[in-house]
Amino acid sequence: MANQTDKNVNKPNFFVRMGRKLKETFSELKKVTWPSFPKVVRGTCVVIVVVAAFLVVATGINYGLQALLNLITGIGE
């Protein structure tokens, strides 16, 4: 029982530990090489174009399968 109490006495409180973690996080963020604004814009445009292309393909497949289902079953005419 005394051994367990010694561990709690030597352990810093929650706020001290979180402060240390926050300090470590900020020091690591200073080491990050951030992309330039044109690279961010270009990457965002690529993502938007790819999402739009998948949207068109998925919508086309949906309409095609719906037409096939209507042709087979005659439901939803």
N, C-alpha and C. Protein backbone atom coordinates (compact mmCIF):
# COMPACT_ATOMS: atom_id res chain seq x y z
N MET A 1 0.82 -1.19 0.00
CA MET A 1 0.00 0.00 0.00
C MET A 1 0.87 1.26 0.00
N ALA A 2 1.96 1.24 0.74
CA ALA A 2 2.84 2.40 0.80
C ALA A 2 3.51 2.63 -0.55
N ASN A 3 3.80 1.56 -1.28
CA ASN A 3 4.43 1.68 -2.59
C ASN A 3 3.50 2.40 -3.56
N GLN A 4 2.23 2.12 -3.50
CA GLN A 4 1.27 2.75 -4.38
C GLN A 4 1.12 4.24 -4.06
N THR A 5 1.19 4.61 -2.80
CA THR A 5 1.11 6.01 -2.40
C THR A 5 2.33 6.78 -2.88
N ASP A 6 3.50 6.16 -2.86
CA ASP A 6 4.71 6.82 -3.34
C ASP A 6 4.62 7.16 -4.82
N LYS A 7 4.00 6.30 -5.59
CA LYS A 7 3.84 6.56 -7.03
C LYS A 7 2.97 7.77 -7.26
N ASN A 8 1.89 7.90 -6.50
CA ASN A 8 0.99 9.03 -6.67
C ASN A 8 1.63 10.35 -6.24
N VAL A 9 2.52 10.32 -5.27
CA VAL A 9 3.16 11.54 -4.79
C VAL A 9 4.15 12.06 -5.83
N ASN A 10 4.88 11.18 -6.48
CA ASN A 10 5.91 11.58 -7.44
C ASN A 10 5.34 11.94 -8.81
N LYS A 11 4.13 11.56 -9.10
CA LYS A 11 3.53 11.80 -10.40
C LYS A 11 3.00 13.23 -10.46
N PRO A 12 3.39 14.00 -11.52
CA PRO A 12 2.86 15.37 -11.62
C PRO A 12 1.37 15.34 -11.95
N ASN A 13 0.70 16.43 -11.62
CA ASN A 13 -0.74 16.45 -11.83
C ASN A 13 -1.10 16.52 -13.31
N PHE A 14 -2.37 16.41 -13.59
CA PHE A 14 -2.89 16.33 -14.96
C PHE A 14 -2.48 17.54 -15.79
N PHE A 15 -2.60 18.73 -15.24
CA PHE A 15 -2.34 19.95 -15.99
C PHE A 15 -0.87 20.10 -16.34
N VAL A 16 0.01 19.67 -15.46
CA VAL A 16 1.45 19.73 -15.74
C VAL A 16 1.78 18.77 -16.89
N ARG A 17 1.21 17.57 -16.84
CA ARG A 17 1.47 16.60 -17.91
C ARG A 17 0.92 17.07 -19.24
N MET A 18 -0.28 17.65 -19.26
CA MET A 18 -0.86 18.14 -20.51
C MET A 18 -0.07 19.35 -21.03
N GLY A 19 0.43 20.18 -20.15
CA GLY A 19 1.25 21.31 -20.56
C GLY A 19 2.53 20.85 -21.24
N ARG A 20 3.13 19.80 -20.72
CA ARG A 20 4.34 19.24 -21.35
C ARG A 20 4.02 18.69 -22.73
N LYS A 21 2.89 17.97 -22.83
CA LYS A 21 2.50 17.40 -24.13
C LYS A 21 2.21 18.51 -25.14
N LEU A 22 1.57 19.58 -24.68
CA LEU A 22 1.26 20.69 -25.56
C LEU A 22 2.54 21.37 -26.05
N LYS A 23 3.51 21.52 -25.17
CA LYS A 23 4.78 22.12 -25.54
C LYS A 23 5.50 21.25 -26.56
N GLU A 24 5.47 19.93 -26.37
CA GLU A 24 6.09 19.01 -27.33
C GLU A 24 5.38 19.09 -28.68
N THR A 25 4.07 19.22 -28.67
CA THR A 25 3.30 19.30 -29.91
C THR A 25 3.68 20.55 -30.69
N PHE A 26 3.77 21.68 -30.02
CA PHE A 26 4.13 22.92 -30.71
C PHE A 26 5.56 22.87 -31.24
N SER A 27 6.46 22.24 -30.50
CA SER A 27 7.84 22.15 -30.99
C SER A 27 7.91 21.26 -32.23
N GLU A 28 7.07 20.22 -32.30
CA GLU A 28 7.04 19.36 -33.49
C GLU A 28 6.40 20.10 -34.66
N LEU A 29 5.39 20.91 -34.40
CA LEU A 29 4.74 21.66 -35.48
C LEU A 29 5.68 22.69 -36.11
N LYS A 30 6.65 23.17 -35.36
CA LYS A 30 7.63 24.10 -35.91
C LYS A 30 8.55 23.42 -36.92
N LYS A 31 8.70 22.10 -36.81
CA LYS A 31 9.57 21.34 -37.71
C LYS A 31 8.88 20.96 -39.01
N VAL A 32 7.57 21.12 -39.07
CA VAL A 32 6.80 20.69 -40.24
C VAL A 32 7.07 21.65 -41.39
N THR A 33 7.24 21.09 -42.60
CA THR A 33 7.34 21.94 -43.79
C THR A 33 5.95 22.04 -44.40
N TRP A 34 5.37 23.21 -44.33
CA TRP A 34 4.02 23.41 -44.80
C TRP A 34 4.03 23.69 -46.30
N PRO A 35 3.02 23.22 -47.05
CA PRO A 35 2.98 23.48 -48.50
C PRO A 35 2.64 24.94 -48.77
N SER A 36 3.06 25.40 -49.94
CA SER A 36 2.76 26.77 -50.31
C SER A 36 1.28 26.87 -50.72
N PHE A 37 0.78 28.08 -50.76
CA PHE A 37 -0.64 28.29 -51.08
C PHE A 37 -1.01 27.76 -52.46
N PRO A 38 -0.19 28.00 -53.51
CA PRO A 38 -0.55 27.43 -54.82
C PRO A 38 -0.63 25.90 -54.81
N LYS A 39 0.22 25.24 -54.04
CA LYS A 39 0.15 23.78 -53.96
C LYS A 39 -1.13 23.33 -53.27
N VAL A 40 -1.55 24.07 -52.26
CA VAL A 40 -2.79 23.73 -51.56
C VAL A 40 -3.99 23.91 -52.50
N VAL A 41 -4.00 25.01 -53.25
CA VAL A 41 -5.10 25.26 -54.18
C VAL A 41 -5.13 24.19 -55.27
N ARG A 42 -3.97 23.83 -55.79
CA ARG A 42 -3.90 22.80 -56.83
C ARG A 42 -4.39 21.46 -56.30
N GLY A 43 -3.96 21.10 -55.11
CA GLY A 43 -4.40 19.84 -54.51
C GLY A 43 -5.89 19.82 -54.25
N THR A 44 -6.43 20.95 -53.80
CA THR A 44 -7.87 21.04 -53.57
C THR A 44 -8.65 20.90 -54.87
N CYS A 45 -8.16 21.52 -55.92
CA CYS A 45 -8.83 21.40 -57.22
C CYS A 45 -8.80 19.97 -57.72
N VAL A 46 -7.69 19.28 -57.54
CA VAL A 46 -7.60 17.87 -57.96
C VAL A 46 -8.63 17.04 -57.20
N VAL A 47 -8.75 17.26 -55.91
CA VAL A 47 -9.71 16.50 -55.11
C VAL A 47 -11.14 16.77 -55.58
N ILE A 48 -11.47 18.02 -55.84
CA ILE A 48 -12.82 18.38 -56.29
C ILE A 48 -13.12 17.73 -57.64
N VAL A 49 -12.17 17.74 -58.56
CA VAL A 49 -12.37 17.14 -59.88
C VAL A 49 -12.56 15.63 -59.76
N VAL A 50 -11.77 14.97 -58.93
CA VAL A 50 -11.89 13.51 -58.77
C VAL A 50 -13.23 13.16 -58.13
N VAL A 51 -13.66 13.91 -57.13
CA VAL A 51 -14.95 13.65 -56.49
C VAL A 51 -16.08 13.87 -57.49
N ALA A 52 -16.01 14.91 -58.30
CA ALA A 52 -17.04 15.17 -59.30
C ALA A 52 -17.08 14.05 -60.34
N ALA A 53 -15.91 13.54 -60.75
CA ALA A 53 -15.87 12.45 -61.73
C ALA A 53 -16.51 11.19 -61.15
N PHE A 54 -16.20 10.86 -59.90
CA PHE A 54 -16.82 9.69 -59.27
C PHE A 54 -18.33 9.90 -59.11
N LEU A 55 -18.75 11.12 -58.84
CA LEU A 55 -20.17 11.41 -58.71
C LEU A 55 -20.89 11.15 -60.03
N VAL A 56 -20.29 11.59 -61.13
CA VAL A 56 -20.89 11.37 -62.45
C VAL A 56 -20.96 9.88 -62.76
N VAL A 57 -19.89 9.14 -62.49
CA VAL A 57 -19.86 7.71 -62.76
C VAL A 57 -20.89 6.98 -61.90
N ALA A 58 -20.95 7.28 -60.61
CA ALA A 58 -21.89 6.61 -59.71
C ALA A 58 -23.33 6.93 -60.10
N THR A 59 -23.61 8.17 -60.49
CA THR A 59 -24.95 8.54 -60.91
C THR A 59 -25.33 7.82 -62.20
N GLY A 60 -24.39 7.71 -63.13
CA GLY A 60 -24.66 6.98 -64.37
C GLY A 60 -24.94 5.51 -64.11
N ILE A 61 -24.17 4.89 -63.22
CA ILE A 61 -24.42 3.49 -62.88
C ILE A 61 -25.78 3.34 -62.21
N ASN A 62 -26.13 4.28 -61.33
CA ASN A 62 -27.42 4.23 -60.65
C ASN A 62 -28.57 4.30 -61.65
N TYR A 63 -28.53 5.26 -62.57
CA TYR A 63 -29.59 5.39 -63.56
C TYR A 63 -29.64 4.17 -64.48
N GLY A 64 -28.47 3.64 -64.84
CA GLY A 64 -28.44 2.45 -65.69
C GLY A 64 -29.06 1.25 -65.01
N LEU A 65 -28.71 1.03 -63.76
CA LEU A 65 -29.29 -0.10 -63.04
C LEU A 65 -30.78 0.08 -62.79
N GLN A 66 -31.20 1.33 -62.56
CA GLN A 66 -32.62 1.59 -62.37
C GLN A 66 -33.39 1.31 -63.66
N ALA A 67 -32.84 1.70 -64.78
CA ALA A 67 -33.49 1.43 -66.06
C ALA A 67 -33.54 -0.06 -66.32
N LEU A 68 -32.48 -0.77 -66.00
CA LEU A 68 -32.45 -2.22 -66.17
C LEU A 68 -33.49 -2.90 -65.28
N LEU A 69 -33.60 -2.45 -64.04
CA LEU A 69 -34.60 -3.01 -63.13
C LEU A 69 -36.02 -2.74 -63.64
N ASN A 70 -36.27 -1.53 -64.13
CA ASN A 70 -37.60 -1.21 -64.69
C ASN A 70 -37.89 -2.06 -65.92
N LEU A 71 -36.88 -2.33 -66.72
CA LEU A 71 -37.06 -3.14 -67.91
C LEU A 71 -37.39 -4.58 -67.55
N ILE A 72 -36.71 -5.09 -66.51
CA ILE A 72 -36.92 -6.49 -66.12
C ILE A 72 -38.25 -6.67 -65.41
N THR A 73 -38.54 -5.81 -64.45
CA THR A 73 -39.71 -6.02 -63.59
C THR A 73 -40.93 -5.23 -64.02
N GLY A 74 -40.74 -4.14 -64.68
CA GLY A 74 -41.86 -3.28 -65.04
C GLY A 74 -42.39 -2.45 -63.89
N ILE A 75 -41.67 -2.42 -62.75
CA ILE A 75 -42.07 -1.66 -61.58
C ILE A 75 -41.57 -0.23 -61.72
N GLY A 76 -42.35 0.73 -61.33
CA GLY A 76 -41.92 2.12 -61.29
C GLY A 76 -42.09 2.85 -62.59
N GLU A 77 -42.96 2.36 -63.44
CA GLU A 77 -43.17 3.04 -64.72
C GLU A 77 -44.13 4.19 -64.60
